[in-house]
PDB file of N, CA and C in Angstrom:
ATOM      1  N   MET A   1     127.291 117.380   1.850  1.00  0.00           N
ATOM      2  CA  MET A   1     126.424 117.421   0.896  1.00  0.00           C
ATOM      3  C   MET A   1     124.999 118.193   1.141  1.00  0.00           C
ATOM      4  N   ALA A   2     124.717 119.240   0.338  1.00  0.00           N
ATOM      5  CA  ALA A   2     123.663 120.059   0.695  1.00  0.00           C
ATOM      6  C   ALA A   2     122.344 119.444   0.161  1.00  0.00           C
ATOM      7  N   THR A   3     121.383 119.700   1.122  1.00  0.00           N
ATOM      8  CA  THR A   3     120.010 119.268   0.805  1.00  0.00           C
ATOM      9  C   THR A   3     118.999 120.388   0.916  1.00  0.00           C
ATOM     10  N   SER A   4     117.836 120.383   0.187  1.00  0.00           N
ATOM     11  CA  SER A   4     116.900 121.234   0.283  1.00  0.00           C
ATOM     12  C   SER A   4     115.446 120.637   0.655  1.00  0.00           C
ATOM     13  N   THR A   5     114.533 121.518   1.082  1.00  0.00           N
ATOM     14  CA  THR A   5     113.208 121.050   1.465  1.00  0.00           C
ATOM     15  C   THR A   5     112.272 121.198   0.435  1.00  0.00           C
ATOM     16  N   GLY A   6     111.627 120.210  -0.013  1.00  0.00           N
ATOM     17  CA  GLY A   6     110.564 120.153  -1.242  1.00  0.00           C
ATOM     18  C   GLY A   6     109.247 120.749  -0.755  1.00  0.00           C
ATOM     19  N   LYS A   7     108.238 120.836  -1.660  1.00  0.00           N
ATOM     20  CA  LYS A   7     106.996 121.412  -1.247  1.00  0.00           C
ATOM     21  C   LYS A   7     106.255 120.584  -0.354  1.00  0.00           C
ATOM     22  N   LEU A   8     106.523 119.302  -0.153  1.00  0.00           N
ATOM     23  CA  LEU A   8     105.773 118.688   0.652  1.00  0.00           C
ATOM     24  C   LEU A   8     106.482 118.331   2.146  1.00  0.00           C
ATOM     25  N   GLY A   9     107.612 119.195   2.245  1.00  0.00           N
ATOM     26  CA  GLY A   9     108.403 119.183   3.459  1.00  0.00           C
ATOM     27  C   GLY A   9     109.347 118.071   3.709  1.00  0.00           C
ATOM     28  N   SER A  10     109.467 117.463   2.551  1.00  0.00           N
ATOM     29  CA  SER A  10     110.548 116.333   2.772  1.00  0.00           C
ATOM     30  C   SER A  10     111.979 116.821   2.300  1.00  0.00           C
ATOM     31  N   THR A  11     112.956 116.288   2.920  1.00  0.00           N
ATOM     32  CA  THR A  11     114.251 116.585   2.491  1.00  0.00           C
ATOM     33  C   THR A  11     114.518 115.932   1.163  1.00  0.00           C
ATOM     34  N   ILE A  12     115.342 116.667   0.350  1.00  0.00           N
ATOM     35  CA  ILE A  12     115.507 116.168  -0.920  1.00  0.00           C
ATOM     36  C   ILE A  12     117.026 116.282  -1.111  1.00  0.00           C
ATOM     37  N   ASP A  13     117.734 115.267  -1.608  1.00  0.00           N
ATOM     38  CA  ASP A  13     118.851 115.126  -1.977  1.00  0.00           C
ATOM     39  C   ASP A  13     119.122 115.848  -3.346  1.00  0.00           C
ATOM     40  N   PRO A  14     120.021 116.662  -3.532  1.00  0.00           N
ATOM     41  CA  PRO A  14     120.067 117.491  -4.872  1.00  0.00           C
ATOM     42  C   PRO A  14     120.596 116.426  -6.011  1.00  0.00           C
ATOM     43  N   ILE A  15     121.003 115.308  -5.706  1.00  0.00           N
ATOM     44  CA  ILE A  15     121.461 114.384  -6.869  1.00  0.00           C
ATOM     45  C   ILE A  15     120.412 113.190  -6.832  1.00  0.00           C
ATOM     46  N   GLU A  16     119.369 113.266  -6.015  1.00  0.00           N
ATOM     47  CA  GLU A  16     118.360 112.142  -5.907  1.00  0.00           C
ATOM     48  C   GLU A  16     117.560 112.121  -7.200  1.00  0.00           C
ATOM     49  N   ILE A  17     117.107 110.910  -7.710  1.00  0.00           N
ATOM     50  CA  ILE A  17     116.248 111.016  -8.856  1.00  0.00           C
ATOM     51  C   ILE A  17     115.101 110.102  -8.414  1.00  0.00           C
ATOM     52  N   VAL A  18     113.949 110.699  -8.685  1.00  0.00           N
ATOM     53  CA  VAL A  18     112.686 110.061  -8.141  1.00  0.00           C
ATOM     54  C   VAL A  18     111.723 109.903  -9.456  1.00  0.00           C
ATOM     55  N   PHE A  19     111.352 108.690  -9.756  1.00  0.00           N
ATOM     56  CA  PHE A  19     110.615 108.354 -10.806  1.00  0.00           C
ATOM     57  C   PHE A  19     109.213 108.175 -10.462  1.00  0.00           C
ATOM     58  N   ALA A  20     108.629 109.318 -10.108  1.00  0.00           N
ATOM     59  CA  ALA A  20     107.062 109.174  -9.738  1.00  0.00           C
ATOM     60  C   ALA A  20     106.467 110.470 -10.271  1.00  0.00           C
ATOM     61  N   GLY A  21     105.374 110.526 -11.093  1.00  0.00           N
ATOM     62  CA  GLY A  21     104.713 111.636 -11.529  1.00  0.00           C
ATOM     63  C   GLY A  21     105.243 112.229 -12.556  1.00  0.00           C
ATOM     64  N   ASP A  22     104.626 113.412 -12.875  1.00  0.00           N
ATOM     65  CA  ASP A  22     105.144 114.486 -13.867  1.00  0.00           C
ATOM     66  C   ASP A  22     105.307 115.699 -13.165  1.00  0.00           C
ATOM     67  N   GLY A  23     106.490 116.232 -12.936  1.00  0.00           N
ATOM     68  CA  GLY A  23     106.925 117.544 -12.357  1.00  0.00           C
ATOM     69  C   GLY A  23     106.887 117.493 -10.902  1.00  0.00           C
ATOM     70  N   GLU A  24     106.689 118.726 -10.344  1.00  0.00           N
ATOM     71  CA  GLU A  24     106.762 118.851  -8.884  1.00  0.00           C
ATOM     72  C   GLU A  24     105.510 118.318  -8.117  1.00  0.00           C
ATOM     73  N   PRO A  25     105.909 117.573  -6.953  1.00  0.00           N
ATOM     74  CA  PRO A  25     104.710 116.876  -6.270  1.00  0.00           C
ATOM     75  C   PRO A  25     103.884 117.937  -5.660  1.00  0.00           C
ATOM     76  N   HIS A  26     102.609 117.846  -5.643  1.00  0.00           N
ATOM     77  CA  HIS A  26     101.573 118.683  -5.103  1.00  0.00           C
ATOM     78  C   HIS A  26     100.869 117.997  -3.977  1.00  0.00           C
ATOM     79  N   THR A  27     100.299 118.771  -2.999  1.00  0.00           N
ATOM     80  CA  THR A  27      99.485 118.080  -2.060  1.00  0.00           C
ATOM     81  C   THR A  27      97.994 118.213  -2.469  1.00  0.00           C
ATOM     82  N   PRO A  28      97.228 117.439  -2.046  1.00  0.00           N
ATOM     83  CA  PRO A  28      95.773 117.472  -2.477  1.00  0.00           C
ATOM     84  C   PRO A  28      95.108 118.920  -2.262  1.00  0.00           C
ATOM     85  N   GLU A  29      95.486 119.527  -1.257  1.00  0.00           N
ATOM     86  CA  GLU A  29      95.014 120.987  -1.002  1.00  0.00           C
ATOM     87  C   GLU A  29      95.420 121.928  -2.017  1.00  0.00           C
ATOM     88  N   SER A  30      96.710 121.889  -2.460  1.00  0.00           N
ATOM     89  CA  SER A  30      97.277 122.761  -3.405  1.00  0.00           C
ATOM     90  C   SER A  30      96.733 122.456  -4.861  1.00  0.00           C
ATOM     91  N   THR A  31      96.405 121.130  -5.180  1.00  0.00           N
ATOM     92  CA  THR A  31      95.653 120.810  -6.328  1.00  0.00           C
ATOM     93  C   THR A  31      94.285 121.442  -6.393  1.00  0.00           C
ATOM     94  N   VAL A  32      93.385 121.190  -5.353  1.00  0.00           N
ATOM     95  CA  VAL A  32      92.141 121.696  -5.161  1.00  0.00           C
ATOM     96  C   VAL A  32      92.326 123.275  -5.308  1.00  0.00           C
ATOM     97  N   GLU A  33      93.264 123.957  -4.747  1.00  0.00           N
ATOM     98  CA  GLU A  33      93.255 125.405  -4.790  1.00  0.00           C
ATOM     99  C   GLU A  33      93.522 125.863  -5.996  1.00  0.00           C
ATOM    100  N   ARG A  34      94.398 125.244  -6.851  1.00  0.00           N
ATOM    101  CA  ARG A  34      94.761 125.557  -8.279  1.00  0.00           C
ATOM    102  C   ARG A  34      93.458 125.314  -9.129  1.00  0.00           C
ATOM    103  N   LEU A  35      92.889 124.195  -8.938  1.00  0.00           N
ATOM    104  CA  LEU A  35      91.511 124.095  -9.860  1.00  0.00           C
ATOM    105  C   LEU A  35      90.408 125.156  -9.465  1.00  0.00           C
ATOM    106  N   ASN A  36      90.196 125.431  -8.137  1.00  0.00           N
ATOM    107  CA  ASN A  36      89.289 126.562  -7.935  1.00  0.00           C
ATOM    108  C   ASN A  36      89.697 127.916  -8.666  1.00  0.00           C
ATOM    109  N   LYS A  37      91.068 128.026  -8.330  1.00  0.00           N
ATOM    110  CA  LYS A  37      91.374 129.489  -9.087  1.00  0.00           C
ATOM    111  C   LYS A  37      91.149 129.338 -10.561  1.00  0.00           C
ATOM    112  N   LEU A  38      91.472 128.283 -11.250  1.00  0.00           N
ATOM    113  CA  LEU A  38      91.121 128.141 -12.647  1.00  0.00           C
ATOM    114  C   LEU A  38      89.570 128.387 -13.043  1.00  0.00           C
ATOM    115  N   LEU A  39      88.796 127.701 -11.993  1.00  0.00           N
ATOM    116  CA  LEU A  39      87.331 127.761 -12.141  1.00  0.00           C
ATOM    117  C   LEU A  39      86.890 129.155 -12.051  1.00  0.00           C
ATOM    118  N   ALA A  40      87.352 129.977 -10.991  1.00  0.00           N
ATOM    119  CA  ALA A  40      87.078 131.337 -10.799  1.00  0.00           C
ATOM    120  C   ALA A  40      87.298 132.108 -11.934  1.00  0.00           C
ATOM    121  N   GLU A  41      88.476 131.863 -12.503  1.00  0.00           N
ATOM    122  CA  GLU A  41      88.847 132.734 -13.838  1.00  0.00           C
ATOM    123  C   GLU A  41      88.219 132.340 -14.993  1.00  0.00           C
ATOM    124  N   GLY A  42      87.453 131.293 -14.961  1.00  0.00           N
ATOM    125  CA  GLY A  42      86.627 130.860 -16.208  1.00  0.00           C
ATOM    126  C   GLY A  42      87.507 130.175 -17.206  1.00  0.00           C
ATOM    127  N   LYS A  43      88.687 129.566 -16.709  1.00  0.00           N
ATOM    128  CA  LYS A  43      89.672 129.083 -17.505  1.00  0.00           C
ATOM    129  C   LYS A  43      89.423 127.349 -17.895  1.00  0.00           C
ATOM    130  N   LEU A  44      88.446 126.911 -17.093  1.00  0.00           N
ATOM    131  CA  LEU A  44      88.183 125.392 -17.287  1.00  0.00           C
ATOM    132  C   LEU A  44      87.007 125.296 -18.169  1.00  0.00           C
ATOM    133  N   GLN A  45      87.130 124.292 -18.937  1.00  0.00           N
ATOM    134  CA  GLN A  45      86.198 123.928 -20.245  1.00  0.00           C
ATOM    135  C   GLN A  45      85.589 122.547 -19.849  1.00  0.00           C
ATOM    136  N   PRO A  46      84.401 122.186 -20.352  1.00  0.00           N
ATOM    137  CA  PRO A  46      83.757 120.721 -20.169  1.00  0.00           C
ATOM    138  C   PRO A  46      84.776 119.796 -21.235  1.00  0.00           C
ATOM    139  N   ASP A  47      84.902 118.791 -20.587  1.00  0.00           N
ATOM    140  CA  ASP A  47      85.850 117.597 -21.261  1.00  0.00           C
ATOM    141  C   ASP A  47      84.982 117.164 -22.386  1.00  0.00           C
ATOM    142  N   LYS A  48      85.495 116.851 -23.500  1.00  0.00           N
ATOM    143  CA  LYS A  48      84.665 116.473 -24.730  1.00  0.00           C
ATOM    144  C   LYS A  48      85.222 114.983 -25.131  1.00  0.00           C
ATOM    145  N   TYR A  49      86.018 114.479 -24.348  1.00  0.00           N
ATOM    146  CA  TYR A  49      86.593 113.054 -24.549  1.00  0.00           C
ATOM    147  C   TYR A  49      85.576 112.120 -24.769  1.00  0.00           C
ATOM    148  N   SER A  50      84.463 111.952 -23.921  1.00  0.00           N
ATOM    149  CA  SER A  50      83.414 110.916 -23.977  1.00  0.00           C
ATOM    150  C   SER A  50      82.483 111.178 -25.132  1.00  0.00           C
ATOM    151  N   LEU A  51      82.797 112.250 -25.994  1.00  0.00           N
ATOM    152  CA  LEU A  51      81.637 112.407 -26.896  1.00  0.00           C
ATOM    153  C   LEU A  51      82.076 111.607 -28.143  1.00  0.00           C
ATOM    154  N   GLY A  52      83.187 110.970 -28.188  1.00  0.00           N
ATOM    155  CA  GLY A  52      83.658 109.947 -29.372  1.00  0.00           C
ATOM    156  C   GLY A  52      84.723 111.031 -30.217  1.00  0.00           C
ATOM    157  N   GLY A  53      85.074 110.113 -31.362  1.00  0.00           N
ATOM    158  CA  GLY A  53      85.933 110.919 -32.215  1.00  0.00           C
ATOM    159  C   GLY A  53      87.384 110.101 -32.046  1.00  0.00           C
ATOM    160  N   THR A  54      88.389 110.660 -32.905  1.00  0.00           N
ATOM    161  CA  THR A  54      89.779 110.126 -32.601  1.00  0.00           C
ATOM    162  C   THR A  54      90.288 110.632 -31.288  1.00  0.00           C
ATOM    163  N   VAL A  55      90.944 109.511 -30.870  1.00  0.00           N
ATOM    164  CA  VAL A  55      91.847 109.866 -29.820  1.00  0.00           C
ATOM    165  C   VAL A  55      93.363 109.902 -30.002  1.00  0.00           C
TER     166      VAL A  55
END
């Protein structure tokens, strides 16, 4: 049976099902790197959720 290495360096069985999170797992460092890139590109906008209105 073939296996591959995931982003976090763990071995993943190709038929393994993992019920955790949405999408590919990311390290804290990769998340911060992505957020910094979005910030530098001006693609982050202030959150308006706490201002009220329909959710």
